[in-house]
Every structure is written in C-alpha cells, then in structure tokens.
Amino acid sequence: MIEAILGSASKEKVLVYLVARGEGYSREIARFFNTDLTPVQKQLEKLELGGVLYSKLLGRTRVFMFNPRYPFIEELKGLFEKVLSFYPEELQDKLILNRRRPRRHGKPL
C-alpha cells in the first residue's frame, strides 16, 4: 500500500505486523505474510540500526519491538494503524488475534 514511500514491501509488512502485535521475530513475520525470511531480516536490521526498533533475546530468538525513545514513534504508529485499517478485514482479524500458546486440553472453544 505505501511501499512506494518506504521503498520496500517487506518494510511495510514488518511495520504493520509490529503495530498490530507489539512485537515479533523475523521467522514469525515471514511465515505470517508467506514471504522469504531474508528480506524480513534485512528490514528488521535496518530499522534497528535506524533506531526505529530495538530487540532483545528470548532464549535464542531475537524479538523486535518499537523503540519508545524514537522521536516520531507516535506518528509512525498512527500511520501504520491507518495502513492496517485499509487491509482486508480477514487479514486484520488474523493480525490482531495473537495466540502464542496452545489451548489447554479439554478447554471449550
């Protein structure tokens, strides 16, 4: 949608994913959008070097989040929330639904 401004569709996907979920790691983002892992990793690295994102290790996984000290963080999040609102409804629901742990055995749906 705004990849012409950003210069990369992967960068848009990464930022939309992080706005919707708050945090994520490269393989998770690549699987969600059914894309290659390398472009996602490169965009995450560029955004971290630029100070837009920061990362922390959870075990062997590097998890990325928005850097709260970035001067334009609120404006950036607002822009990508607007971009997310133009995504198809089923993709928005899938992005916002963030189930990471398996359901307890026997728990009703």
PDB file of N, CA and C in Angstrom:
ATOM      1  N   MET A   1       0.807  -1.182   0.000  1.00  0.00           N
ATOM      2  CA  MET A   1       0.000   0.000   0.000  1.00  0.00           C
ATOM      3  C   MET A   1       0.864   1.264   0.000  1.00  0.00           C
ATOM      4  N   ILE A   2       1.847   1.340   0.893  1.00  0.00           N
ATOM      5  CA  ILE A   2       2.732   2.513   0.906  1.00  0.00           C
ATOM      6  C   ILE A   2       4.191   2.115   0.656  1.00  0.00           C
ATOM      7  N   GLU A   3       4.373   0.972  -0.003  1.00  0.00           N
ATOM      8  CA  GLU A   3       5.748   0.538  -0.283  1.00  0.00           C
ATOM      9  C   GLU A   3       6.482   1.497  -1.203  1.00  0.00           C
ATOM     10  N   ALA A   4       5.752   2.276  -1.995  1.00  0.00           N
ATOM     11  CA  ALA A   4       6.400   3.268  -2.850  1.00  0.00           C
ATOM     12  C   ALA A   4       7.090   4.332  -2.003  1.00  0.00           C
ATOM     13  N   ILE A   5       6.509   4.676  -0.881  1.00  0.00           N
ATOM     14  CA  ILE A   5       7.108   5.665   0.016  1.00  0.00           C
ATOM     15  C   ILE A   5       8.260   5.042   0.797  1.00  0.00           C
ATOM     16  N   LEU A   6       8.060   3.813   1.265  1.00  0.00           N
ATOM     17  CA  LEU A   6       9.059   3.139   2.093  1.00  0.00           C
ATOM     18  C   LEU A   6      10.200   2.542   1.284  1.00  0.00           C
ATOM     19  N   GLY A   7       9.938   2.209   0.039  1.00  0.00           N
ATOM     20  CA  GLY A   7      10.966   1.609  -0.799  1.00  0.00           C
ATOM     21  C   GLY A   7      10.994   0.101  -0.723  1.00  0.00           C
ATOM     22  N   SER A   8      10.108  -0.499   0.085  1.00  0.00           N
ATOM     23  CA  SER A   8      10.126  -1.949   0.228  1.00  0.00           C
ATOM     24  C   SER A   8       8.787  -2.446   0.760  1.00  0.00           C
ATOM     25  N   ALA A   9       8.270  -3.482   0.117  1.00  0.00           N
ATOM     26  CA  ALA A   9       7.044  -4.101   0.612  1.00  0.00           C
ATOM     27  C   ALA A   9       7.316  -4.841   1.918  1.00  0.00           C
ATOM     28  N   SER A  10       8.527  -5.375   2.053  1.00  0.00           N
ATOM     29  CA  SER A  10       8.891  -6.088   3.285  1.00  0.00           C
ATOM     30  C   SER A  10       8.891  -5.152   4.483  1.00  0.00           C
ATOM     31  N   LYS A  11       9.343  -3.933   4.288  1.00  0.00           N
ATOM     32  CA  LYS A  11       9.368  -2.970   5.391  1.00  0.00           C
ATOM     33  C   LYS A  11       7.946  -2.639   5.839  1.00  0.00           C
ATOM     34  N   GLU A  12       7.047  -2.492   4.882  1.00  0.00           N
ATOM     35  CA  GLU A  12       5.650  -2.233   5.232  1.00  0.00           C
ATOM     36  C   GLU A  12       5.078  -3.397   6.033  1.00  0.00           C
ATOM     37  N   LYS A  13       5.327  -4.612   5.584  1.00  0.00           N
ATOM     38  CA  LYS A  13       4.815  -5.790   6.283  1.00  0.00           C
ATOM     39  C   LYS A  13       5.350  -5.878   7.703  1.00  0.00           C
ATOM     40  N   VAL A  14       6.639  -5.620   7.859  1.00  0.00           N
ATOM     41  CA  VAL A  14       7.261  -5.668   9.184  1.00  0.00           C
ATOM     42  C   VAL A  14       6.617  -4.649  10.111  1.00  0.00           C
ATOM     43  N   LEU A  15       6.469  -3.419   9.648  1.00  0.00           N
ATOM     44  CA  LEU A  15       5.931  -2.362  10.496  1.00  0.00           C
ATOM     45  C   LEU A  15       4.451  -2.562  10.809  1.00  0.00           C
ATOM     46  N   VAL A  16       3.680  -3.028   9.847  1.00  0.00           N
ATOM     47  CA  VAL A  16       2.263  -3.308  10.099  1.00  0.00           C
ATOM     48  C   VAL A  16       2.132  -4.432  11.124  1.00  0.00           C
ATOM     49  N   TYR A  17       2.955  -5.456  10.982  1.00  0.00           N
ATOM     50  CA  TYR A  17       2.917  -6.582  11.916  1.00  0.00           C
ATOM     51  C   TYR A  17       3.241  -6.111  13.336  1.00  0.00           C
ATOM     52  N   LEU A  18       4.262  -5.296  13.471  1.00  0.00           N
ATOM     53  CA  LEU A  18       4.653  -4.824  14.798  1.00  0.00           C
ATOM     54  C   LEU A  18       3.631  -3.874  15.402  1.00  0.00           C
ATOM     55  N   VAL A  19       2.972  -3.077  14.579  1.00  0.00           N
ATOM     56  CA  VAL A  19       1.905  -2.211  15.089  1.00  0.00           C
ATOM     57  C   VAL A  19       0.752  -3.066  15.604  1.00  0.00           C
ATOM     58  N   ALA A  20       0.400  -4.108  14.851  1.00  0.00           N
ATOM     59  CA  ALA A  20      -0.736  -4.945  15.225  1.00  0.00           C
ATOM     60  C   ALA A  20      -0.445  -5.804  16.452  1.00  0.00           C
ATOM     61  N   ARG A  21       0.766  -6.346  16.536  1.00  0.00           N
ATOM     62  CA  ARG A  21       1.073  -7.305  17.597  1.00  0.00           C
ATOM     63  C   ARG A  21       1.963  -6.769  18.710  1.00  0.00           C
ATOM     64  N   GLY A  22       2.649  -5.663  18.464  1.00  0.00           N
ATOM     65  CA  GLY A  22       3.509  -5.096  19.500  1.00  0.00           C
ATOM     66  C   GLY A  22       4.928  -5.616  19.470  1.00  0.00           C
ATOM     67  N   GLU A  23       5.110  -6.854  19.101  1.00  0.00           N
ATOM     68  CA  GLU A  23       6.452  -7.449  18.998  1.00  0.00           C
ATOM     69  C   GLU A  23       6.395  -8.626  18.054  1.00  0.00           C
ATOM     70  N   GLY A  24       7.570  -9.029  17.589  1.00  0.00           N
ATOM     71  CA  GLY A  24       7.637 -10.177  16.695  1.00  0.00           C
ATOM     72  C   GLY A  24       9.067 -10.493  16.334  1.00  0.00           C
ATOM     73  N   TYR A  25       9.267 -11.676  15.800  1.00  0.00           N
ATOM     74  CA  TYR A  25      10.596 -12.071  15.337  1.00  0.00           C
ATOM     75  C   TYR A  25      10.527 -12.394  13.852  1.00  0.00           C
ATOM     76  N   SER A  26      11.670 -12.428  13.221  1.00  0.00           N
ATOM     77  CA  SER A  26      11.736 -12.463  11.757  1.00  0.00           C
ATOM     78  C   SER A  26      11.013 -13.656  11.144  1.00  0.00           C
ATOM     79  N   ARG A  27      11.214 -14.839  11.656  1.00  0.00           N
ATOM     80  CA  ARG A  27      10.594 -16.020  11.064  1.00  0.00           C
ATOM     81  C   ARG A  27       9.067 -15.975  11.221  1.00  0.00           C
ATOM     82  N   GLU A  28       8.619 -15.487  12.359  1.00  0.00           N
ATOM     83  CA  GLU A  28       7.183 -15.363  12.608  1.00  0.00           C
ATOM     84  C   GLU A  28       6.542 -14.399  11.595  1.00  0.00           C
ATOM     85  N   ILE A  29       7.181 -13.282  11.349  1.00  0.00           N
ATOM     86  CA  ILE A  29       6.660 -12.288  10.403  1.00  0.00           C
ATOM     87  C   ILE A  29       6.666 -12.853   8.987  1.00  0.00           C
ATOM     88  N   ALA A  30       7.756 -13.508   8.612  1.00  0.00           N
ATOM     89  CA  ALA A  30       7.861 -14.087   7.268  1.00  0.00           C
ATOM     90  C   ALA A  30       6.803 -15.171   7.054  1.00  0.00           C
ATOM     91  N   ARG A  31       6.577 -16.010   8.049  1.00  0.00           N
ATOM     92  CA  ARG A  31       5.548 -17.054   7.927  1.00  0.00           C
ATOM     93  C   ARG A  31       4.154 -16.448   7.825  1.00  0.00           C
ATOM     94  N   PHE A  32       3.901 -15.414   8.611  1.00  0.00           N
ATOM     95  CA  PHE A  32       2.571 -14.818   8.598  1.00  0.00           C
ATOM     96  C   PHE A  32       2.227 -14.281   7.214  1.00  0.00           C
ATOM     97  N   PHE A  33       3.161 -13.584   6.589  1.00  0.00           N
ATOM     98  CA  PHE A  33       2.917 -12.994   5.275  1.00  0.00           C
ATOM     99  C   PHE A  33       3.300 -13.927   4.129  1.00  0.00           C
ATOM    100  N   ASN A  34       3.732 -15.153   4.453  1.00  0.00           N
ATOM    101  CA  ASN A  34       4.108 -16.146   3.455  1.00  0.00           C
ATOM    102  C   ASN A  34       5.138 -15.578   2.472  1.00  0.00           C
ATOM    103  N   THR A  35       6.224 -15.055   3.033  1.00  0.00           N
ATOM    104  CA  THR A  35       7.281 -14.437   2.241  1.00  0.00           C
ATOM    105  C   THR A  35       8.625 -15.023   2.653  1.00  0.00           C
ATOM    106  N   ASP A  36       9.671 -14.661   1.934  1.00  0.00           N
ATOM    107  CA  ASP A  36      11.007 -15.146   2.262  1.00  0.00           C
ATOM    108  C   ASP A  36      11.504 -14.514   3.554  1.00  0.00           C
ATOM    109  N   LEU A  37      12.375 -15.237   4.236  1.00  0.00           N
ATOM    110  CA  LEU A  37      12.898 -14.790   5.523  1.00  0.00           C
ATOM    111  C   LEU A  37      13.944 -13.689   5.377  1.00  0.00           C
ATOM    112  N   THR A  38      14.818 -13.780   4.385  1.00  0.00           N
ATOM    113  CA  THR A  38      15.932 -12.849   4.252  1.00  0.00           C
ATOM    114  C   THR A  38      15.513 -11.382   4.132  1.00  0.00           C
ATOM    115  N   PRO A  39      14.540 -11.033   3.277  1.00  0.00           N
ATOM    116  CA  PRO A  39      14.144  -9.616   3.204  1.00  0.00           C
ATOM    117  C   PRO A  39      13.585  -9.092   4.527  1.00  0.00           C
ATOM    118  N   VAL A  40      12.866  -9.931   5.239  1.00  0.00           N
ATOM    119  CA  VAL A  40      12.315  -9.521   6.534  1.00  0.00           C
ATOM    120  C   VAL A  40      13.443  -9.268   7.522  1.00  0.00           C
ATOM    121  N   GLN A  41      14.431 -10.161   7.553  1.00  0.00           N
ATOM    122  CA  GLN A  41      15.579  -9.981   8.453  1.00  0.00           C
ATOM    123  C   GLN A  41      16.332  -8.694   8.130  1.00  0.00           C
ATOM    124  N   LYS A  42      16.536  -8.434   6.844  1.00  0.00           N
ATOM    125  CA  LYS A  42      17.265  -7.228   6.445  1.00  0.00           C
ATOM    126  C   LYS A  42      16.521  -5.962   6.858  1.00  0.00           C
ATOM    127  N   GLN A  43      15.209  -5.963   6.688  1.00  0.00           N
ATOM    128  CA  GLN A  43      14.433  -4.775   7.068  1.00  0.00           C
ATOM    129  C   GLN A  43      14.437  -4.578   8.579  1.00  0.00           C
ATOM    130  N   LEU A  44      14.349  -5.655   9.328  1.00  0.00           N
ATOM    131  CA  LEU A  44      14.410  -5.546  10.785  1.00  0.00           C
ATOM    132  C   LEU A  44      15.758  -4.979  11.225  1.00  0.00           C
ATOM    133  N   GLU A  45      16.838  -5.444  10.597  1.00  0.00           N
ATOM    134  CA  GLU A  45      18.178  -4.939  10.927  1.00  0.00           C
ATOM    135  C   GLU A  45      18.294  -3.448  10.591  1.00  0.00           C
ATOM    136  N   LYS A  46      17.805  -3.043   9.407  1.00  0.00           N
ATOM    137  CA  LYS A  46      17.872  -1.633   9.007  1.00  0.00           C
ATOM    138  C   LYS A  46      17.079  -0.756   9.965  1.00  0.00           C
ATOM    139  N   LEU A  47      15.891  -1.205  10.336  1.00  0.00           N
ATOM    140  CA  LEU A  47      15.057  -0.425  11.250  1.00  0.00           C
ATOM    141  C   LEU A  47      15.674  -0.344  12.642  1.00  0.00           C
ATOM    142  N   GLU A  48      16.364  -1.401  13.050  1.00  0.00           N
ATOM    143  CA  GLU A  48      17.041  -1.370  14.349  1.00  0.00           C
ATOM    144  C   GLU A  48      18.242  -0.425  14.300  1.00  0.00           C
ATOM    145  N   LEU A  49      18.997  -0.465  13.217  1.00  0.00           N
ATOM    146  CA  LEU A  49      20.135   0.445  13.078  1.00  0.00           C
ATOM    147  C   LEU A  49      19.686   1.900  13.019  1.00  0.00           C
ATOM    148  N   GLY A  50      18.512   2.141  12.444  1.00  0.00           N
ATOM    149  CA  GLY A  50      17.970   3.492  12.358  1.00  0.00           C
ATOM    150  C   GLY A  50      17.344   3.979  13.658  1.00  0.00           C
ATOM    151  N   GLY A  51      17.225   3.098  14.637  1.00  0.00           N
ATOM    152  CA  GLY A  51      16.674   3.489  15.926  1.00  0.00           C
ATOM    153  C   GLY A  51      15.163   3.388  16.025  1.00  0.00           C
ATOM    154  N   VAL A  52      14.511   2.905  14.983  1.00  0.00           N
ATOM    155  CA  VAL A  52      13.061   2.777  14.999  1.00  0.00           C
ATOM    156  C   VAL A  52      12.638   1.597  15.870  1.00  0.00           C
ATOM    157  N   LEU A  53      13.413   0.518  15.804  1.00  0.00           N
ATOM    158  CA  LEU A  53      13.124  -0.687  16.574  1.00  0.00           C
ATOM    159  C   LEU A  53      14.262  -0.981  17.537  1.00  0.00           C
ATOM    160  N   TYR A  54      13.976  -1.793  18.515  1.00  0.00           N
ATOM    161  CA  TYR A  54      15.030  -2.374  19.336  1.00  0.00           C
ATOM    162  C   TYR A  54      14.718  -3.848  19.481  1.00  0.00           C
ATOM    163  N   SER A  55      15.698  -4.623  19.891  1.00  0.00           N
ATOM    164  CA  SER A  55      15.495  -6.062  20.009  1.00  0.00           C
ATOM    165  C   SER A  55      16.050  -6.563  21.330  1.00  0.00           C
ATOM    166  N   LYS A  56      15.542  -7.720  21.712  1.00  0.00           N
ATOM    167  CA  LYS A  56      16.062  -8.401  22.895  1.00  0.00           C
ATOM    168  C   LYS A  56      16.023  -9.886  22.606  1.00  0.00           C
ATOM    169  N   LEU A  57      16.900 -10.599  23.279  1.00  0.00           N
ATOM    170  CA  LEU A  57      16.963 -12.044  23.103  1.00  0.00           C
ATOM    171  C   LEU A  57      16.041 -12.720  24.099  1.00  0.00           C
ATOM    172  N   LEU A  58      15.205 -13.623  23.599  1.00  0.00           N
ATOM    173  CA  LEU A  58      14.411 -14.501  24.434  1.00  0.00           C
ATOM    174  C   LEU A  58      14.850 -15.912  24.082  1.00  0.00           C
ATOM    175  N   GLY A  59      15.735 -16.448  24.882  1.00  0.00           N
ATOM    176  CA  GLY A  59      16.359 -17.719  24.530  1.00  0.00           C
ATOM    177  C   GLY A  59      17.307 -17.490  23.371  1.00  0.00           C
ATOM    178  N   ARG A  60      17.042 -18.177  22.255  1.00  0.00           N
ATOM    179  CA  ARG A  60      17.863 -17.973  21.059  1.00  0.00           C
ATOM    180  C   ARG A  60      17.154 -17.124  20.014  1.00  0.00           C
ATOM    181  N   THR A  61      16.009 -16.582  20.360  1.00  0.00           N
ATOM    182  CA  THR A  61      15.194 -15.811  19.418  1.00  0.00           C
ATOM    183  C   THR A  61      15.336 -14.324  19.684  1.00  0.00           C
ATOM    184  N   ARG A  62      15.601 -13.561  18.637  1.00  0.00           N
ATOM    185  CA  ARG A  62      15.688 -12.106  18.751  1.00  0.00           C
ATOM    186  C   ARG A  62      14.314 -11.520  18.439  1.00  0.00           C
ATOM    187  N   VAL A  63      13.704 -10.910  19.455  1.00  0.00           N
ATOM    188  CA  VAL A  63      12.363 -10.336  19.337  1.00  0.00           C
ATOM    189  C   VAL A  63      12.498  -8.825  19.160  1.00  0.00           C
ATOM    190  N   PHE A  64      11.761  -8.284  18.187  1.00  0.00           N
ATOM    191  CA  PHE A  64      11.833  -6.858  17.857  1.00  0.00           C
ATOM    192  C   PHE A  64      10.572  -6.145  18.332  1.00  0.00           C
ATOM    193  N   MET A  65      10.771  -4.895  18.797  1.00  0.00           N
ATOM    194  CA  MET A  65       9.688  -4.037  19.245  1.00  0.00           C
ATOM    195  C   MET A  65       9.995  -2.609  18.826  1.00  0.00           C
ATOM    196  N   PHE A  66       8.972  -1.750  18.849  1.00  0.00           N
ATOM    197  CA  PHE A  66       9.202  -0.339  18.560  1.00  0.00           C
ATOM    198  C   PHE A  66      10.017   0.281  19.685  1.00  0.00           C
ATOM    199  N   ASN A  67      10.939   1.162  19.313  1.00  0.00           N
ATOM    200  CA  ASN A  67      11.774   1.862  20.281  1.00  0.00           C
ATOM    201  C   ASN A  67      10.983   3.044  20.834  1.00  0.00           C
ATOM    202  N   PRO A  68      10.642   3.028  22.120  1.00  0.00           N
ATOM    203  CA  PRO A  68       9.846   4.135  22.674  1.00  0.00           C
ATOM    204  C   PRO A  68      10.601   5.467  22.689  1.00  0.00           C
ATOM    205  N   ARG A  69      11.914   5.445  22.541  1.00  0.00           N
ATOM    206  CA  ARG A  69      12.714   6.676  22.524  1.00  0.00           C
ATOM    207  C   ARG A  69      12.829   7.299  21.131  1.00  0.00           C
ATOM    208  N   TYR A  70      12.334   6.621  20.112  1.00  0.00           N
ATOM    209  CA  TYR A  70      12.370   7.163  18.759  1.00  0.00           C
ATOM    210  C   TYR A  70      11.466   8.401  18.712  1.00  0.00           C
ATOM    211  N   PRO A  71      11.969   9.539  18.220  1.00  0.00           N
ATOM    212  CA  PRO A  71      11.217  10.797  18.321  1.00  0.00           C
ATOM    213  C   PRO A  71       9.867  10.811  17.596  1.00  0.00           C
ATOM    214  N   PHE A  72       9.708  10.038  16.543  1.00  0.00           N
ATOM    215  CA  PHE A  72       8.478  10.059  15.759  1.00  0.00           C
ATOM    216  C   PHE A  72       7.667   8.789  15.930  1.00  0.00           C
ATOM    217  N   ILE A  73       7.813   8.119  17.059  1.00  0.00           N
ATOM    218  CA  ILE A  73       7.172   6.815  17.244  1.00  0.00           C
ATOM    219  C   ILE A  73       5.648   6.907  17.192  1.00  0.00           C
ATOM    220  N   GLU A  74       5.066   7.904  17.823  1.00  0.00           N
ATOM    221  CA  GLU A  74       3.599   8.018  17.822  1.00  0.00           C
ATOM    222  C   GLU A  74       3.065   8.289  16.426  1.00  0.00           C
ATOM    223  N   GLU A  75       3.740   9.139  15.679  1.00  0.00           N
ATOM    224  CA  GLU A  75       3.314   9.439  14.318  1.00  0.00           C
ATOM    225  C   GLU A  75       3.446   8.210  13.426  1.00  0.00           C
ATOM    226  N   LEU A  76       4.541   7.488  13.595  1.00  0.00           N
ATOM    227  CA  LEU A  76       4.782   6.274  12.806  1.00  0.00           C
ATOM    228  C   LEU A  76       3.732   5.216  13.111  1.00  0.00           C
ATOM    229  N   LYS A  77       3.448   5.008  14.382  1.00  0.00           N
ATOM    230  CA  LYS A  77       2.418   4.034  14.759  1.00  0.00           C
ATOM    231  C   LYS A  77       1.058   4.462  14.218  1.00  0.00           C
ATOM    232  N   GLY A  78       0.751   5.747  14.289  1.00  0.00           N
ATOM    233  CA  GLY A  78      -0.517   6.241  13.763  1.00  0.00           C
ATOM    234  C   GLY A  78      -0.648   5.992  12.269  1.00  0.00           C
ATOM    235  N   LEU A  79       0.437   6.236  11.533  1.00  0.00           N
ATOM    236  CA  LEU A  79       0.431   5.995  10.092  1.00  0.00           C
ATOM    237  C   LEU A  79       0.161   4.525   9.793  1.00  0.00           C
ATOM    238  N   PHE A  80       0.846   3.630  10.498  1.00  0.00           N
ATOM    239  CA  PHE A  80       0.689   2.208  10.200  1.00  0.00           C
ATOM    240  C   PHE A  80      -0.596   1.622  10.763  1.00  0.00           C
ATOM    241  N   GLU A  81      -1.180   2.249  11.749  1.00  0.00           N
ATOM    242  CA  GLU A  81      -2.528   1.853  12.170  1.00  0.00           C
ATOM    243  C   GLU A  81      -3.524   2.201  11.069  1.00  0.00           C
ATOM    244  N   LYS A  82      -3.311   3.337  10.432  1.00  0.00           N
ATOM    245  CA  LYS A  82      -4.157   3.742   9.305  1.00  0.00           C
ATOM    246  C   LYS A  82      -3.964   2.786   8.128  1.00  0.00           C
ATOM    247  N   VAL A  83      -2.712   2.403   7.847  1.00  0.00           N
ATOM    248  CA  VAL A  83      -2.438   1.441   6.778  1.00  0.00           C
ATOM    249  C   VAL A  83      -3.132   0.120   7.090  1.00  0.00           C
ATOM    250  N   LEU A  84      -3.057  -0.320   8.333  1.00  0.00           N
ATOM    251  CA  LEU A  84      -3.693  -1.574   8.745  1.00  0.00           C
ATOM    252  C   LEU A  84      -5.203  -1.519   8.534  1.00  0.00           C
ATOM    253  N   SER A  85      -5.802  -0.369   8.735  1.00  0.00           N
ATOM    254  CA  SER A  85      -7.249  -0.237   8.561  1.00  0.00           C
ATOM    255  C   SER A  85      -7.680  -0.433   7.101  1.00  0.00           C
ATOM    256  N   PHE A  86      -6.767  -0.276   6.152  1.00  0.00           N
ATOM    257  CA  PHE A  86      -7.078  -0.482   4.746  1.00  0.00           C
ATOM    258  C   PHE A  86      -6.806  -1.914   4.278  1.00  0.00           C
ATOM    259  N   TYR A  87      -6.252  -2.751   5.138  1.00  0.00           N
ATOM    260  CA  TYR A  87      -6.030  -4.159   4.796  1.00  0.00           C
ATOM    261  C   TYR A  87      -7.381  -4.875   4.786  1.00  0.00           C
ATOM    262  N   PRO A  88      -7.475  -5.996   4.085  1.00  0.00           N
ATOM    263  CA  PRO A  88      -8.736  -6.755   4.095  1.00  0.00           C
ATOM    264  C   PRO A  88      -9.119  -7.155   5.531  1.00  0.00           C
ATOM    265  N   GLU A  89     -10.411  -7.229   5.768  1.00  0.00           N
ATOM    266  CA  GLU A  89     -10.942  -7.490   7.111  1.00  0.00           C
ATOM    267  C   GLU A  89     -10.400  -8.788   7.710  1.00  0.00           C
ATOM    268  N   GLU A  90     -10.330  -9.867   6.913  1.00  0.00           N
ATOM    269  CA  GLU A  90      -9.857 -11.155   7.451  1.00  0.00           C
ATOM    270  C   GLU A  90      -8.372 -11.091   7.821  1.00  0.00           C
ATOM    271  N   LEU A  91      -7.581 -10.319   7.074  1.00  0.00           N
ATOM    272  CA  LEU A  91      -6.165 -10.170   7.408  1.00  0.00           C
ATOM    273  C   LEU A  91      -6.000  -9.336   8.676  1.00  0.00           C
ATOM    274  N   GLN A  92      -6.830  -8.311   8.841  1.00  0.00           N
ATOM    275  CA  GLN A  92      -6.788  -7.515  10.070  1.00  0.00           C
ATOM    276  C   GLN A  92      -7.100  -8.388  11.276  1.00  0.00           C
ATOM    277  N   ASP A  93      -8.141  -9.198  11.173  1.00  0.00           N
ATOM    278  CA  ASP A  93      -8.516 -10.071  12.284  1.00  0.00           C
ATOM    279  C   ASP A  93      -7.405 -11.066  12.600  1.00  0.00           C
ATOM    280  N   LYS A  94      -6.811 -11.604  11.560  1.00  0.00           N
ATOM    281  CA  LYS A  94      -5.723 -12.577  11.746  1.00  0.00           C
ATOM    282  C   LYS A  94      -4.497 -11.915  12.392  1.00  0.00           C
ATOM    283  N   LEU A  95      -4.214 -10.674  12.008  1.00  0.00           N
ATOM    284  CA  LEU A  95      -3.088  -9.948  12.583  1.00  0.00           C
ATOM    285  C   LEU A  95      -3.319  -9.619  14.055  1.00  0.00           C
ATOM    286  N   ILE A  96      -4.513  -9.204  14.375  1.00  0.00           N
ATOM    287  CA  ILE A  96      -4.799  -8.775  15.732  1.00  0.00           C
ATOM    288  C   ILE A  96      -4.929  -9.964  16.678  1.00  0.00           C
ATOM    289  N   LEU A  97      -5.451 -11.098  16.194  1.00  0.00           N
ATOM    290  CA  LEU A  97      -5.543 -12.302  17.014  1.00  0.00           C
ATOM    291  C   LEU A  97      -4.143 -12.847  17.224  1.00  0.00           C
ATOM    292  N   ASN A  98      -3.683 -12.834  18.451  1.00  0.00           N
ATOM    293  CA  ASN A  98      -2.299 -13.195  18.736  1.00  0.00           C
ATOM    294  C   ASN A  98      -2.261 -14.356  19.720  1.00  0.00           C
ATOM    295  N   ARG A  99      -2.429 -15.579  19.202  1.00  0.00           N
ATOM    296  CA  ARG A  99      -2.390 -16.759  20.050  1.00  0.00           C
ATOM    297  C   ARG A  99      -1.014 -17.393  19.941  1.00  0.00           C
ATOM    298  N   ARG A 100      -0.314 -17.447  21.032  1.00  0.00           N
ATOM    299  CA  ARG A 100       1.037 -17.977  21.010  1.00  0.00           C
ATOM    300  C   ARG A 100       1.167 -19.288  21.767  1.00  0.00           C
ATOM    301  N   ARG A 101       0.276 -19.544  22.679  1.00  0.00           N
ATOM    302  CA  ARG A 101       0.380 -20.780  23.434  1.00  0.00           C
ATOM    303  C   ARG A 101      -0.740 -21.719  23.020  1.00  0.00           C
ATOM    304  N   PRO A 102      -0.506 -23.020  23.121  1.00  0.00           N
ATOM    305  CA  PRO A 102      -1.579 -23.949  22.779  1.00  0.00           C
ATOM    306  C   PRO A 102      -2.709 -23.882  23.797  1.00  0.00           C
ATOM    307  N   ARG A 103      -3.870 -24.278  23.356  1.00  0.00           N
ATOM    308  CA  ARG A 103      -5.037 -24.283  24.212  1.00  0.00           C
ATOM    309  C   ARG A 103      -4.940 -25.424  25.230  1.00  0.00           C
ATOM    310  N   ARG A 104      -5.438 -25.176  26.438  1.00  0.00           N
ATOM    311  CA  ARG A 104      -5.443 -26.207  27.466  1.00  0.00           C
ATOM    312  C   ARG A 104      -6.290 -27.383  27.014  1.00  0.00           C
ATOM    313  N   HIS A 105      -5.845 -28.576  27.283  1.00  0.00           N
ATOM    314  CA  HIS A 105      -6.561 -29.788  26.881  1.00  0.00           C
ATOM    315  C   HIS A 105      -7.953 -29.801  27.506  1.00  0.00           C
ATOM    316  N   GLY A 106      -8.964 -29.981  26.682  1.00  0.00           N
ATOM    317  CA  GLY A 106     -10.323 -30.066  27.173  1.00  0.00           C
ATOM    318  C   GLY A 106     -11.022 -28.730  27.347  1.00  0.00           C
ATOM    319  N   LYS A 107     -10.347 -27.641  27.095  1.00  0.00           N
ATOM    320  CA  LYS A 107     -10.976 -26.329  27.237  1.00  0.00           C
ATOM    321  C   LYS A 107     -11.937 -26.099  26.083  1.00  0.00           C
ATOM    322  N   PRO A 108     -13.158 -25.677  26.378  1.00  0.00           N
ATOM    323  CA  PRO A 108     -14.128 -25.471  25.284  1.00  0.00           C
ATOM    324  C   PRO A 108     -13.761 -24.249  24.448  1.00  0.00           C
ATOM    325  N   LEU A 109     -14.172 -24.301  23.185  1.00  0.00           N
ATOM    326  CA  LEU A 109     -13.945 -23.171  22.300  1.00  0.00           C
ATOM    327  C   LEU A 109     -14.942 -22.131  22.630  1.00  0.00           C
TER     328      LEU A 109
END
